[in-house]
Amino acid sequence: MSGFRIGSNLAHIAESGPPPLGLHILMGQDAPVKVANMLAGLEHNAIAPIEMICRRN
């Protein structure tokens, strides 16, 4: 997973909590489970990020 700084970001969130606004708001209360599943998929090369486009209407 070159190019990803997931570990340092997770350590910062663990220390100070999530930011007031962020993806966790959109993902709901089970955001940690969803993120953990995503990270497991990335670590096992089961998924690969291609492109993400977010738009607020």
C-alpha atoms as a PDB file:
ATOM      1  CA  MET A   1       0.000   0.000   0.000  1.00  0.00           C
ATOM      2  CA  SER A   2       2.620   2.508  -0.980  1.00  0.00           C
ATOM      3  CA  GLY A   3       1.416   6.080  -0.912  1.00  0.00           C
ATOM      4  CA  PHE A   4      -0.957   5.499   1.989  1.00  0.00           C
ATOM      5  CA  ARG A   5      -0.328   6.933   5.440  1.00  0.00           C
ATOM      6  CA  ILE A   6      -3.149   5.095   7.127  1.00  0.00           C
ATOM      7  CA  GLY A   7      -1.228   4.120  10.254  1.00  0.00           C
ATOM      8  CA  SER A   8      -0.203   7.651  11.197  1.00  0.00           C
ATOM      9  CA  ASN A   9      -3.695   8.974  10.527  1.00  0.00           C
ATOM     10  CA  LEU A  10      -5.307   6.282  12.675  1.00  0.00           C
ATOM     11  CA  ALA A  11      -2.852   6.979  15.500  1.00  0.00           C
ATOM     12  CA  HIS A  12      -3.745  10.678  15.399  1.00  0.00           C
ATOM     13  CA  ILE A  13      -7.484   9.906  15.445  1.00  0.00           C
ATOM     14  CA  ALA A  14      -7.003   7.480  18.337  1.00  0.00           C
ATOM     15  CA  GLU A  15      -5.291  10.236  20.350  1.00  0.00           C
ATOM     16  CA  SER A  16      -7.517  13.198  19.575  1.00  0.00           C
ATOM     17  CA  GLY A  17     -10.747  11.668  18.259  1.00  0.00           C
ATOM     18  CA  PRO A  18     -12.271  12.166  14.823  1.00  0.00           C
ATOM     19  CA  PRO A  19     -12.541  15.634  13.307  1.00  0.00           C
ATOM     20  CA  PRO A  20     -15.871  17.470  13.720  1.00  0.00           C
ATOM     21  CA  LEU A  21     -16.656  17.007  10.023  1.00  0.00           C
ATOM     22  CA  GLY A  22     -15.511  14.066   7.998  1.00  0.00           C
ATOM     23  CA  LEU A  23     -16.361  10.881   6.190  1.00  0.00           C
ATOM     24  CA  HIS A  24     -17.408   9.264   9.485  1.00  0.00           C
ATOM     25  CA  ILE A  25     -20.485  11.543   9.493  1.00  0.00           C
ATOM     26  CA  LEU A  26     -21.624  10.196   6.123  1.00  0.00           C
ATOM     27  CA  MET A  27     -20.790   6.588   6.961  1.00  0.00           C
ATOM     28  CA  GLY A  28     -22.776   6.515  10.202  1.00  0.00           C
ATOM     29  CA  GLN A  29     -22.132   4.887  13.557  1.00  0.00           C
ATOM     30  CA  ASP A  30     -20.686   1.726  12.034  1.00  0.00           C
ATOM     31  CA  ALA A  31     -17.962   3.698  10.215  1.00  0.00           C
ATOM     32  CA  PRO A  32     -15.163   2.012  12.243  1.00  0.00           C
ATOM     33  CA  VAL A  33     -16.358  -1.433  11.107  1.00  0.00           C
ATOM     34  CA  LYS A  34     -16.566  -0.302   7.482  1.00  0.00           C
ATOM     35  CA  VAL A  35     -13.098   1.254   7.611  1.00  0.00           C
ATOM     36  CA  ALA A  36     -11.628  -1.852   9.271  1.00  0.00           C
ATOM     37  CA  ASN A  37     -13.100  -4.021   6.500  1.00  0.00           C
ATOM     38  CA  MET A  38     -11.685  -1.670   3.861  1.00  0.00           C
ATOM     39  CA  LEU A  39      -8.208  -1.731   5.455  1.00  0.00           C
ATOM     40  CA  ALA A  40      -8.272  -5.534   5.665  1.00  0.00           C
ATOM     41  CA  GLY A  41      -9.167  -5.705   1.975  1.00  0.00           C
ATOM     42  CA  LEU A  42      -6.319  -3.339   1.096  1.00  0.00           C
ATOM     43  CA  GLU A  43      -3.796  -5.266   3.200  1.00  0.00           C
ATOM     44  CA  HIS A  44      -4.750  -8.578   1.561  1.00  0.00           C
ATOM     45  CA  ASN A  45      -4.757  -7.056  -1.937  1.00  0.00           C
ATOM     46  CA  ALA A  46      -8.419  -8.029  -2.287  1.00  0.00           C
ATOM     47  CA  ILE A  47      -9.320  -4.460  -3.235  1.00  0.00           C
ATOM     48  CA  ALA A  48      -7.384  -1.559  -4.715  1.00  0.00           C
ATOM     49  CA  PRO A  49      -8.305   2.113  -4.669  1.00  0.00           C
ATOM     50  CA  ILE A  50      -8.812   3.421  -8.171  1.00  0.00           C
ATOM     51  CA  GLU A  51     -10.653   6.709  -7.913  1.00  0.00           C
ATOM     52  CA  MET A  52     -13.146   8.273  -5.549  1.00  0.00           C
ATOM     53  CA  ILE A  53     -15.302  11.225  -6.457  1.00  0.00           C
ATOM     54  CA  CYS A  54     -17.462  12.761  -3.755  1.00  0.00           C
ATOM     55  CA  ARG A  55     -20.086  15.348  -4.451  1.00  0.00           C
ATOM     56  CA  ARG A  56     -22.424  17.096  -2.087  1.00  0.00           C
ATOM     57  CA  ASN A  57     -25.783  18.091  -3.516  1.00  0.00           C
END
